[in-house]
Amino acid sequence: MSDMARYQRDAQLEPFPRELLDEVVRALMNVAEQAPVTGEGFAFEGEVLDSLRLVEGRHLAAGARYQMAAEGVTADLSVAAWNKGGETRIDVTAGSEGHTVDLHVDLRMSGQRFHSIRITGGYQGPKPFRWLRRAKWECEVRAEEWWRLLGPKTSPLSLRVEHPFAVVGLRMARGKDEGGRWSVDTTARFGGRWILRPLAAVALAVMRRRIRRMLDEWIDEAVSRWNADVPVMVEHGLRERLDFEHRVTLKAVSREWAEAYTTALHRAIENAPLEEGGLIRSSEGDVSVRLLEGEHIGPGARYRIAPIPEDSADPLDVNVVAWELDGPNRAEFSSPDDAQTGWVEIDSARKPTVARAAIAGALEGFTQASCEAEMDLERWWASEDPALTATADSPLGEAGLTIRRTPAGTGEWTVNIAATAEGRAWARQLVAVAGLLAAVPMNRSFEEKADAAAAHWHDLVGGEEETSPQDAANATLRALLDHGSPDWTGTRRALRRMEADLSRRLGELEALTA
């Protein structure tokens, strides 16, 4: 009986073009070279993020060394060699609370083409049992061999992971194409080490069928996802501007219903109960609204919206500038340290024609990010032009959102939602790469959010039996008080959600660089 288990599986995969892979690698290297990293930090558009600093040498020159720190993790990165047309070697050591990871990257280019990459490294855990809490790995991708079709005797893709008690190896080879698809042979080997070698051999023999079934399910899922996503990615290609579009169907309401709803909501807020000390407390105990100055909802009134318990998230200060049923309404808000500021306004509660909102400050890790939106209700009722337009801006780039509807013919609205995202300066190619690699999940997320918003609308206005404007207004106020999470309360929650819908793409890109 062998002390190593072997698993082998063939699969047919949609091909990923060599030229597109080369283009992606070149773009990432260009992004790295153009990234404005200095001794003070990551500096661009007036921002300086000190989580990544150049501490020795010139940026990406041989001998350059960087220090990184974020959320309790510190890392030291050194560049042994950097050549966009030849060999690049980078070493990284990261640690957190006694856990240490070493990473060594060897990237080789052949002129403008990606040749290979080899990544080795190890992990060491803290006491106790340091001898047990460790592992090492080696991963290699040899693009030249993959596209030269050298046959099953070579393994252009390989991975090996070793633990004191176990070892796992994975190799992938490309055979002759079948029906325009790659024929890929995958071989996995795993077994025990040291004193667990004989025990692992017995366990693997006993559980062989179960392990094979689990691996078959995992590979079937991976192959299915690859074959579904890759054609979309290939068609998308590298685009500096990302475009998203989705269409939803909403139950139509009359303008009279909508105006009655905003009137009822205006009055419901006016009549919200104030407890002793000027406190409105949600029935579920998630959020409190405390009147600090002035009369309830009158001009000059100042509130503090805070989670319960109050130390679970930062509170929000809200100032009422104007509050009229037949005139302008405006509220301004800010965090206690003014890291975030914003406002929301509507020209009339009884006969609204335009609503606007904005937020600026520390959003998605930037102090200069901003978002503005305007809803033109005259367009909504009388035109097919975009009724809602919004923009989000950060040092990484900008995003936009438009919403327009077609007239209701059968008691329903067809609503078209479109969004764009585009990087600026050094981040332009980063946006393009992220848009390619995440094309499918980003589109799926965009569509899911639009569908969720449509579902909320149907819940608000009712199904076959239309909800009354008064009941809809009461439900909206209850939702604001009872179902707001500590981080997304009241006006801030609504505006942050708007900002997230517009600039989440840019935030994800910023996270990729962190």
Protein backbone atom coordinates (compact mmCIF):
# COMPACT_ATOMS: atom_id res chain seq x y z
CA MET A 1 0.00 0.00 0.00
CA SER A 2 1.44 3.37 -1.09
CA ASP A 3 1.82 6.12 1.51
CA MET A 4 0.96 8.75 -1.13
CA ALA A 5 -2.50 9.14 -2.67
CA ARG A 6 -2.75 10.10 -6.33
CA TYR A 7 -5.66 11.81 -8.04
CA GLN A 8 -5.85 12.40 -11.80
CA ARG A 9 -8.50 14.21 -13.82
CA ASP A 10 -8.86 15.53 -17.38
CA ALA A 11 -10.90 18.61 -18.24
CA GLN A 12 -11.65 20.76 -21.27
CA LEU A 13 -11.26 24.48 -20.69
CA GLU A 14 -12.07 27.58 -22.71
CA PRO A 15 -8.71 29.01 -23.88
CA PHE A 16 -7.35 32.24 -22.46
CA PRO A 17 -5.45 34.15 -25.18
CA ARG A 18 -1.69 34.39 -24.72
CA GLU A 19 -1.71 37.96 -26.03
CA LEU A 20 -4.25 39.05 -23.41
CA LEU A 21 -2.22 37.45 -20.61
CA ASP A 22 0.90 39.26 -21.81
CA GLU A 23 -1.04 42.52 -21.92
CA VAL A 24 -2.29 42.06 -18.34
CA VAL A 25 1.20 41.35 -16.96
CA ARG A 26 2.67 44.36 -18.77
CA ALA A 27 -0.13 46.58 -17.49
CA LEU A 28 0.46 45.48 -13.88
CA MET A 29 4.17 46.16 -14.18
CA ASN A 30 3.42 49.60 -15.64
CA VAL A 31 1.11 50.32 -12.72
CA ALA A 32 3.81 49.32 -10.26
CA GLU A 33 6.38 51.55 -11.97
CA GLN A 34 4.06 54.54 -12.15
CA ALA A 35 2.75 54.20 -8.59
CA PRO A 36 3.87 57.37 -6.73
CA VAL A 37 5.56 55.77 -3.73
CA THR A 38 7.90 58.05 -1.80
CA GLY A 39 9.64 58.11 1.54
CA GLU A 40 6.57 59.75 3.07
CA GLY A 41 4.11 57.26 1.63
CA PHE A 42 1.82 56.66 -1.28
CA ALA A 43 1.36 60.20 -2.61
CA PHE A 44 -1.05 61.29 -5.31
CA GLU A 45 -3.74 63.94 -5.90
CA GLY A 46 -2.72 65.68 -2.68
CA GLU A 47 -3.13 62.49 -0.64
CA VAL A 48 -0.35 60.75 1.27
CA LEU A 49 -1.11 57.24 2.55
CA ASP A 50 1.70 56.22 4.87
CA SER A 51 0.75 52.52 4.93
CA LEU A 52 3.35 51.98 2.17
CA ARG A 53 6.68 53.84 2.28
CA LEU A 54 9.94 53.69 0.34
CA VAL A 55 12.68 53.49 2.98
CA GLU A 56 15.75 52.73 0.85
CA GLY A 57 16.89 53.29 -2.73
CA ARG A 58 14.92 54.46 -5.76
CA HIS A 59 11.43 53.23 -6.57
CA LEU A 60 11.63 49.69 -8.03
CA ALA A 61 15.36 49.94 -8.65
CA ALA A 62 17.56 47.06 -7.48
CA GLY A 63 18.12 47.55 -3.76
CA ALA A 64 14.86 49.42 -3.15
CA ARG A 65 13.16 48.54 0.13
CA TYR A 66 9.63 49.32 1.30
CA GLN A 67 7.77 49.11 4.57
CA MET A 68 4.05 48.42 4.80
CA ALA A 69 1.69 48.57 7.77
CA ALA A 70 -2.07 48.03 7.78
CA GLU A 71 -4.53 46.67 10.33
CA GLY A 72 -1.94 45.15 12.63
CA VAL A 73 0.14 43.61 9.84
CA THR A 74 3.65 44.88 9.09
CA ALA A 75 5.69 43.92 6.06
CA ASP A 76 9.11 44.55 4.58
CA LEU A 77 9.47 44.35 0.79
CA SER A 78 12.82 44.43 -1.01
CA VAL A 79 13.56 44.52 -4.73
CA ALA A 80 16.54 42.39 -5.77
CA ALA A 81 15.98 43.03 -9.51
CA TRP A 82 13.43 44.80 -11.69
CA ASN A 83 13.35 44.48 -15.47
CA LYS A 84 10.13 44.72 -17.49
CA GLY A 85 11.78 42.87 -20.34
CA GLY A 86 13.82 40.39 -18.31
CA GLU A 87 14.04 39.11 -14.72
CA THR A 88 12.38 40.60 -11.64
CA ARG A 89 12.96 39.33 -8.10
CA ILE A 90 11.08 40.54 -5.03
CA ASP A 91 11.27 39.36 -1.40
CA VAL A 92 8.55 40.01 1.18
CA THR A 93 8.47 39.34 4.92
CA ALA A 94 5.21 40.00 6.74
CA GLY A 95 4.24 39.50 10.37
CA SER A 96 1.40 39.93 12.83
CA GLU A 97 1.23 38.89 16.49
CA GLY A 98 3.97 36.30 16.20
CA HIS A 99 2.88 34.95 12.80
CA THR A 100 5.48 35.38 10.06
CA VAL A 101 5.21 34.80 6.31
CA ASP A 102 8.13 34.90 3.87
CA LEU A 103 7.52 35.27 0.15
CA HIS A 104 9.98 35.19 -2.74
CA VAL A 105 8.80 36.10 -6.25
CA ASP A 106 10.82 35.43 -9.40
CA LEU A 107 9.16 36.86 -12.50
CA ARG A 108 10.65 36.45 -15.96
CA MET A 109 9.64 38.35 -19.09
CA SER A 110 10.86 37.60 -22.60
CA GLY A 111 10.71 41.05 -24.13
CA GLN A 112 7.02 41.96 -24.25
CA ARG A 113 5.89 38.44 -23.40
CA PHE A 114 5.29 36.82 -20.04
CA HIS A 115 7.66 33.85 -19.72
CA SER A 116 7.25 32.45 -16.20
CA ILE A 117 6.76 33.18 -12.52
CA ARG A 118 7.94 31.20 -9.50
CA ILE A 119 6.72 31.93 -5.98
CA THR A 120 8.22 30.27 -2.93
CA GLY A 121 7.70 30.97 0.72
CA GLY A 122 7.06 29.77 4.21
CA TYR A 123 4.97 30.33 7.30
CA GLN A 124 6.05 30.26 10.95
CA GLY A 125 3.55 30.54 13.77
CA PRO A 126 4.09 31.69 17.35
CA LYS A 127 4.63 29.63 20.49
CA PRO A 128 3.58 27.16 21.70
CA PHE A 129 4.32 24.31 19.27
CA ARG A 130 6.32 26.47 16.87
CA TRP A 131 7.77 23.33 15.32
CA LEU A 132 4.24 22.28 14.34
CA ARG A 133 2.90 25.68 13.29
CA ARG A 134 4.95 26.05 10.14
CA ALA A 135 4.71 25.29 6.44
CA LYS A 136 6.46 26.02 3.17
CA TRP A 137 5.26 26.16 -0.41
CA GLU A 138 6.37 26.50 -4.00
CA CYS A 139 4.26 27.55 -6.98
CA GLU A 140 5.35 27.91 -10.59
CA VAL A 141 3.72 28.98 -13.85
CA ARG A 142 5.73 28.54 -17.07
CA ALA A 143 3.78 30.27 -19.84
CA GLU A 144 6.22 29.38 -22.62
CA GLU A 145 5.83 25.67 -21.95
CA TRP A 146 2.05 25.92 -21.65
CA TRP A 147 1.64 27.46 -25.08
CA ARG A 148 4.33 25.31 -26.75
CA LEU A 149 2.33 22.13 -26.01
CA LEU A 150 5.23 20.00 -24.83
CA GLY A 151 2.85 17.25 -23.74
CA PRO A 152 2.11 15.42 -20.48
CA LYS A 153 5.77 14.91 -19.61
CA THR A 154 6.00 18.54 -18.52
CA SER A 155 3.91 20.39 -15.93
CA PRO A 156 3.85 24.12 -16.74
CA LEU A 157 1.64 24.75 -13.68
CA SER A 158 2.71 23.25 -10.36
CA LEU A 159 2.11 23.75 -6.65
CA ARG A 160 3.63 22.00 -3.63
CA VAL A 161 2.83 22.63 0.04
CA GLU A 162 4.68 20.94 2.92
CA HIS A 163 3.70 20.77 6.59
CA PRO A 164 5.61 18.78 9.23
CA PHE A 165 2.81 16.20 9.13
CA ALA A 166 1.57 16.38 5.51
CA VAL A 167 2.52 17.18 1.92
CA VAL A 168 0.33 18.14 -1.05
CA GLY A 169 1.41 18.45 -4.68
CA LEU A 170 -0.52 19.62 -7.73
CA ARG A 171 0.57 19.54 -11.37
CA MET A 172 -1.27 20.63 -14.50
CA ALA A 173 -0.29 19.87 -18.11
CA ARG A 174 -1.87 20.81 -21.41
CA GLY A 175 -2.53 18.17 -24.01
CA LYS A 176 -3.86 18.38 -27.55
CA ASP A 177 -6.78 20.80 -27.91
CA GLU A 178 -10.22 19.29 -28.45
CA GLY A 179 -13.00 21.20 -30.18
CA GLY A 180 -11.28 24.55 -29.70
CA ARG A 181 -10.79 23.98 -25.96
CA TRP A 182 -7.69 23.20 -23.94
CA SER A 183 -7.37 19.60 -22.82
CA VAL A 184 -5.90 19.90 -19.31
CA ASP A 185 -4.57 17.02 -17.25
CA THR A 186 -4.56 17.62 -13.48
CA THR A 187 -2.63 15.38 -11.11
CA ALA A 188 -2.67 15.75 -7.33
CA ARG A 189 -0.60 13.83 -4.79
CA PHE A 190 -0.95 14.03 -1.04
CA GLY A 191 0.18 12.06 1.96
CA GLY A 192 1.57 12.10 5.48
CA ARG A 193 5.07 12.90 6.71
CA TRP A 194 7.20 11.88 9.66
CA ILE A 195 5.31 9.84 12.29
CA LEU A 196 1.98 10.34 10.46
CA ARG A 197 3.19 8.73 7.23
CA PRO A 198 1.82 5.22 7.98
CA LEU A 199 -1.37 6.56 9.58
CA ALA A 200 -2.00 8.82 6.59
CA ALA A 201 -1.53 5.90 4.20
CA VAL A 202 -4.22 3.90 6.01
CA ALA A 203 -6.60 6.88 6.22
CA LEU A 204 -6.16 7.68 2.53
CA ALA A 205 -6.86 4.09 1.57
CA VAL A 206 -10.04 3.98 3.68
CA MET A 207 -11.35 7.38 2.52
CA ARG A 208 -10.19 7.18 -1.07
CA ARG A 209 -13.70 7.26 -2.58
CA ARG A 210 -14.88 10.13 -0.41
CA ILE A 211 -11.77 12.17 -1.19
CA ARG A 212 -12.12 11.50 -4.91
CA ARG A 213 -15.78 12.53 -4.83
CA MET A 214 -14.91 15.79 -3.06
CA LEU A 215 -12.13 16.55 -5.55
CA ASP A 216 -14.41 15.74 -8.48
CA GLU A 217 -17.03 18.17 -7.17
CA TRP A 218 -14.44 20.89 -6.61
CA ILE A 219 -12.94 20.51 -10.08
CA ASP A 220 -16.36 20.34 -11.74
CA GLU A 221 -17.28 23.63 -10.09
CA ALA A 222 -13.95 25.24 -11.02
CA VAL A 223 -14.19 24.08 -14.63
CA SER A 224 -17.79 25.26 -14.92
CA ARG A 225 -16.91 28.68 -13.58
CA TRP A 226 -13.82 28.98 -15.79
CA ASN A 227 -15.75 28.04 -18.94
CA ALA A 228 -18.51 30.50 -18.08
CA ASP A 229 -16.28 33.43 -17.07
CA VAL A 230 -13.35 33.29 -19.50
CA PRO A 231 -15.34 34.00 -22.70
CA VAL A 232 -16.81 37.06 -20.98
CA MET A 233 -13.36 38.23 -19.91
CA VAL A 234 -11.93 37.69 -23.40
CA GLU A 235 -14.77 39.64 -24.99
CA HIS A 236 -14.35 42.40 -22.42
CA GLY A 237 -10.60 42.76 -22.86
CA LEU A 238 -8.61 45.56 -21.26
CA ARG A 239 -10.74 48.69 -21.15
CA GLU A 240 -9.75 51.84 -19.36
CA ARG A 241 -13.40 52.73 -18.83
CA LEU A 242 -15.68 50.17 -17.20
CA ASP A 243 -19.36 50.17 -18.16
CA PHE A 244 -22.21 48.47 -16.34
CA GLU A 245 -25.85 48.41 -17.38
CA HIS A 246 -28.93 46.63 -16.08
CA ARG A 247 -32.67 46.89 -16.59
CA VAL A 248 -35.34 46.28 -13.96
CA THR A 249 -39.12 46.38 -14.01
CA LEU A 250 -40.92 48.32 -11.28
CA LYS A 251 -44.54 48.66 -10.37
CA ALA A 252 -45.66 52.09 -11.52
CA VAL A 253 -47.32 54.59 -9.21
CA SER A 254 -49.00 57.84 -10.05
CA ARG A 255 -47.42 61.21 -9.42
CA GLU A 256 -50.25 61.89 -6.99
CA TRP A 257 -49.33 58.76 -5.00
CA ALA A 258 -45.67 59.78 -4.88
CA GLU A 259 -46.50 63.31 -3.73
CA ALA A 260 -48.86 61.96 -1.08
CA TYR A 261 -46.06 59.65 0.09
CA THR A 262 -43.47 62.44 0.49
CA THR A 263 -46.07 64.57 2.27
CA ALA A 264 -46.90 61.72 4.67
CA LEU A 265 -43.21 61.00 5.31
CA HIS A 266 -42.57 64.68 6.04
CA ARG A 267 -45.39 64.70 8.61
CA ALA A 268 -44.35 61.35 10.08
CA ILE A 269 -40.89 62.72 10.81
CA GLU A 270 -42.46 65.80 12.40
CA ASN A 271 -44.62 63.59 14.64
CA ALA A 272 -41.85 61.16 15.63
CA PRO A 273 -42.09 60.62 19.39
CA LEU A 274 -39.48 62.29 21.57
CA GLU A 275 -38.82 60.57 24.87
CA GLU A 276 -37.43 62.22 27.98
CA GLY A 277 -34.19 63.97 27.13
CA GLY A 278 -35.19 64.43 23.49
CA LEU A 279 -34.48 60.82 22.51
CA ILE A 280 -36.08 58.76 19.75
CA ARG A 281 -35.15 55.14 20.35
CA SER A 282 -35.76 52.41 17.82
CA SER A 283 -37.98 49.53 18.87
CA GLU A 284 -35.17 47.05 18.18
CA GLY A 285 -32.61 49.10 20.11
CA ASP A 286 -30.22 49.61 17.21
CA VAL A 287 -30.11 53.40 16.94
CA SER A 288 -30.99 56.49 18.94
CA VAL A 289 -31.72 60.03 17.73
CA ARG A 290 -31.11 62.69 20.37
CA LEU A 291 -32.20 66.31 20.02
CA LEU A 292 -29.27 68.47 21.20
CA GLU A 293 -30.45 71.99 20.30
CA GLY A 294 -33.58 73.80 19.14
CA GLU A 295 -37.09 72.52 18.58
CA HIS A 296 -37.79 69.17 16.97
CA ILE A 297 -37.28 69.35 13.19
CA GLY A 298 -37.33 73.15 13.20
CA PRO A 299 -34.65 75.24 11.48
CA GLY A 300 -31.57 75.27 13.71
CA ALA A 301 -32.40 71.93 15.33
CA ARG A 302 -29.34 69.76 15.92
CA TYR A 303 -29.42 66.02 16.47
CA ARG A 304 -26.97 63.28 17.24
CA ILE A 305 -27.68 59.90 15.68
CA ALA A 306 -25.81 57.15 17.51
CA PRO A 307 -25.82 53.34 17.58
CA ILE A 308 -26.77 51.42 20.68
CA PRO A 309 -24.46 50.78 22.45
CA GLU A 310 -22.94 54.15 21.61
CA ASP A 311 -19.34 52.91 21.42
CA SER A 312 -20.12 50.39 18.64
CA ALA A 313 -19.68 53.00 15.87
CA ASP A 314 -19.10 56.71 15.38
CA PRO A 315 -22.16 58.93 15.86
CA LEU A 316 -23.49 61.38 13.28
CA ASP A 317 -24.42 65.03 13.87
CA VAL A 318 -27.35 66.37 11.84
CA ASN A 319 -28.35 70.04 11.53
CA VAL A 320 -31.73 71.07 10.12
CA VAL A 321 -31.29 74.13 7.89
CA ALA A 322 -34.80 74.29 6.43
CA TRP A 323 -37.98 72.28 6.97
CA GLU A 324 -41.18 73.24 5.15
CA LEU A 325 -44.02 71.23 3.69
CA ASP A 326 -44.48 73.58 0.72
CA GLY A 327 -40.94 74.93 0.56
CA PRO A 328 -37.31 73.88 0.70
CA ASN A 329 -36.03 71.20 3.08
CA ARG A 330 -32.34 70.80 3.83
CA ALA A 331 -30.31 68.89 6.41
CA GLU A 332 -26.55 68.97 6.82
CA PHE A 333 -24.60 66.25 8.57
CA SER A 334 -21.08 65.54 9.71
CA SER A 335 -19.08 63.13 11.79
CA PRO A 336 -17.93 64.52 15.17
CA ASP A 337 -14.41 65.11 13.84
CA ASP A 338 -15.72 66.51 10.52
CA ALA A 339 -13.94 63.72 8.67
CA GLN A 340 -17.17 63.35 6.70
CA THR A 341 -19.58 66.11 5.77
CA GLY A 342 -22.62 66.21 3.56
CA TRP A 343 -26.12 67.43 2.95
CA VAL A 344 -29.46 66.36 1.53
CA GLU A 345 -32.21 68.64 0.25
CA ILE A 346 -35.55 68.61 -1.54
CA ASP A 347 -37.36 71.64 -2.94
CA SER A 348 -40.78 70.71 -1.54
CA ALA A 349 -42.31 67.82 0.34
CA ARG A 350 -45.83 68.33 -1.00
CA LYS A 351 -44.87 68.93 -4.65
CA PRO A 352 -41.25 67.76 -5.03
CA THR A 353 -39.51 68.40 -8.35
CA VAL A 354 -35.83 67.97 -7.49
CA ALA A 355 -33.82 66.27 -4.74
CA ARG A 356 -30.07 66.55 -4.23
CA ALA A 357 -27.50 65.02 -1.90
CA ALA A 358 -23.74 65.08 -1.43
CA ILE A 359 -21.10 63.61 0.83
CA ALA A 360 -17.38 64.35 1.04
CA GLY A 361 -14.37 63.58 3.17
CA ALA A 362 -12.85 60.35 4.39
CA LEU A 363 -14.46 57.74 2.18
CA GLU A 364 -12.90 54.41 1.20
CA GLY A 365 -9.64 55.41 2.88
CA PHE A 366 -9.30 58.81 1.16
CA THR A 367 -9.80 62.24 2.70
CA GLN A 368 -10.67 63.87 -0.63
CA ALA A 369 -13.36 61.53 -1.89
CA SER A 370 -16.76 62.96 -2.75
CA CYS A 371 -20.11 61.98 -4.16
CA GLU A 372 -22.98 64.07 -5.50
CA ALA A 373 -26.41 63.06 -6.79
CA GLU A 374 -29.47 64.79 -8.22
CA MET A 375 -32.94 63.41 -8.87
CA ASP A 376 -34.95 65.48 -11.37
CA LEU A 377 -38.54 64.39 -10.78
CA GLU A 378 -39.88 66.41 -13.68
CA ARG A 379 -37.77 64.25 -15.98
CA TRP A 380 -38.93 61.13 -14.19
CA TRP A 381 -42.58 61.90 -14.85
CA ALA A 382 -42.38 63.51 -18.29
CA SER A 383 -39.20 62.45 -20.09
CA GLU A 384 -37.04 59.48 -20.98
CA ASP A 385 -33.89 61.47 -20.24
CA PRO A 386 -31.86 60.34 -17.19
CA ALA A 387 -33.79 61.39 -14.10
CA LEU A 388 -31.07 60.53 -11.60
CA THR A 389 -27.45 61.46 -12.20
CA ALA A 390 -24.67 60.94 -9.74
CA THR A 391 -20.89 61.11 -9.68
CA ALA A 392 -18.24 59.86 -7.28
CA ASP A 393 -14.67 61.08 -7.25
CA SER A 394 -11.55 59.92 -5.44
CA PRO A 395 -7.81 60.15 -6.05
CA LEU A 396 -7.98 56.78 -7.81
CA GLY A 397 -10.55 57.86 -10.36
CA GLU A 398 -14.19 58.68 -10.92
CA ALA A 399 -17.48 56.88 -11.28
CA GLY A 400 -20.90 57.82 -12.57
CA LEU A 401 -24.47 56.55 -12.31
CA THR A 402 -27.58 57.36 -14.35
CA ILE A 403 -31.13 56.09 -13.99
CA ARG A 404 -33.90 56.64 -16.52
CA ARG A 405 -37.26 55.05 -17.17
CA THR A 406 -39.55 54.41 -20.09
CA PRO A 407 -43.22 55.37 -19.74
CA ALA A 408 -45.53 52.94 -17.99
CA GLY A 409 -47.82 51.24 -20.44
CA THR A 410 -49.08 48.25 -18.48
CA GLY A 411 -48.79 49.50 -14.93
CA GLU A 412 -45.04 48.95 -14.86
CA TRP A 413 -41.90 51.01 -15.41
CA THR A 414 -38.88 49.76 -17.28
CA VAL A 415 -35.91 51.34 -15.51
CA ASN A 416 -32.44 51.43 -17.08
CA ILE A 417 -29.52 51.73 -14.67
CA ALA A 418 -26.06 52.49 -16.05
CA ALA A 419 -22.76 53.03 -14.26
CA THR A 420 -19.23 53.82 -15.33
CA ALA A 421 -15.84 53.78 -13.59
CA GLU A 422 -12.53 55.10 -14.85
CA GLY A 423 -9.14 55.45 -13.21
CA ARG A 424 -6.87 58.44 -13.51
CA ALA A 425 -3.13 58.80 -13.96
CA TRP A 426 -1.25 55.71 -12.72
CA ALA A 427 -4.51 53.95 -11.70
CA ARG A 428 -5.95 53.99 -15.23
CA GLN A 429 -4.39 50.65 -16.19
CA LEU A 430 -5.13 49.24 -12.75
CA VAL A 431 -8.83 49.89 -13.32
CA ALA A 432 -8.56 48.20 -16.70
CA VAL A 433 -6.93 45.07 -15.25
CA ALA A 434 -9.39 44.86 -12.36
CA GLY A 435 -12.26 45.30 -14.80
CA LEU A 436 -10.97 42.39 -16.86
CA LEU A 437 -10.19 39.97 -14.03
CA ALA A 438 -13.37 40.79 -12.11
CA ALA A 439 -15.67 41.45 -15.09
CA VAL A 440 -18.11 38.68 -14.23
CA PRO A 441 -18.41 39.20 -10.43
CA MET A 442 -18.55 42.97 -10.81
CA ASN A 443 -21.38 42.74 -13.34
CA ARG A 444 -23.13 40.19 -11.18
CA SER A 445 -22.82 42.40 -8.10
CA PHE A 446 -24.13 45.42 -10.01
CA GLU A 447 -27.16 43.48 -11.22
CA GLU A 448 -27.84 41.99 -7.78
CA LYS A 449 -27.84 45.43 -6.17
CA ALA A 450 -30.21 46.79 -8.81
CA ASP A 451 -32.52 43.79 -8.37
CA ALA A 452 -32.43 44.21 -4.57
CA ALA A 453 -33.39 47.89 -4.92
CA ALA A 454 -36.28 46.87 -7.18
CA ALA A 455 -37.42 44.32 -4.59
CA HIS A 456 -37.37 47.01 -1.87
CA TRP A 457 -39.52 49.22 -4.10
CA HIS A 458 -42.08 46.45 -4.59
CA ASP A 459 -42.16 45.87 -0.82
CA LEU A 460 -42.78 49.59 -0.30
CA VAL A 461 -45.59 50.14 -2.82
CA GLY A 462 -47.22 46.71 -2.49
CA GLY A 463 -48.16 44.02 -4.97
CA GLU A 464 -51.56 43.71 -6.61
CA GLU A 465 -53.09 45.81 -3.85
CA GLU A 466 -51.25 49.11 -3.75
CA THR A 467 -50.02 50.26 -0.35
CA SER A 468 -51.41 53.59 0.77
CA PRO A 469 -48.97 56.53 0.80
CA GLN A 470 -49.45 56.88 4.58
CA ASP A 471 -48.63 53.22 5.26
CA ALA A 472 -45.61 53.41 2.95
CA ALA A 473 -44.34 56.52 4.77
CA ASN A 474 -44.77 54.85 8.16
CA ALA A 475 -42.91 51.77 6.92
CA THR A 476 -40.05 53.94 5.65
CA LEU A 477 -39.67 55.70 9.00
CA ARG A 478 -39.78 52.40 10.90
CA ALA A 479 -37.12 50.98 8.60
CA LEU A 480 -34.85 53.97 9.19
CA LEU A 481 -35.14 53.57 12.96
CA ASP A 482 -35.53 49.85 13.45
CA HIS A 483 -33.34 48.30 10.81
CA GLY A 484 -30.39 50.64 10.53
CA SER A 485 -27.10 48.96 11.40
CA PRO A 486 -24.61 50.82 13.64
CA ASP A 487 -22.49 51.78 10.67
CA TRP A 488 -25.35 52.83 8.38
CA THR A 489 -27.84 54.87 10.35
CA GLY A 490 -30.27 57.50 9.20
CA THR A 491 -29.17 59.94 6.53
CA ARG A 492 -25.57 58.74 6.61
CA ARG A 493 -26.68 55.22 5.81
CA ALA A 494 -28.68 56.36 2.77
CA LEU A 495 -25.91 58.57 1.45
CA ARG A 496 -23.15 56.07 2.09
CA ARG A 497 -25.17 53.45 0.26
CA MET A 498 -25.44 55.86 -2.66
CA GLU A 499 -21.69 56.46 -2.52
CA ALA A 500 -21.00 52.75 -2.34
CA ASP A 501 -23.13 52.06 -5.40
CA LEU A 502 -21.18 54.67 -7.33
CA SER A 503 -17.63 54.23 -6.14
CA ARG A 504 -17.42 50.71 -4.75
CA ARG A 505 -15.58 49.73 -7.92
CA LEU A 506 -12.88 52.27 -7.15
CA GLY A 507 -12.78 51.15 -3.52
CA GLU A 508 -12.17 47.57 -4.62
CA LEU A 509 -9.31 48.74 -6.80
CA GLU A 510 -7.81 50.64 -3.87
CA ALA A 511 -8.08 47.47 -1.78
CA LEU A 512 -6.18 45.56 -4.45
CA THR A 513 -3.27 47.96 -4.08
CA ALA A 514 -3.27 47.90 -0.28
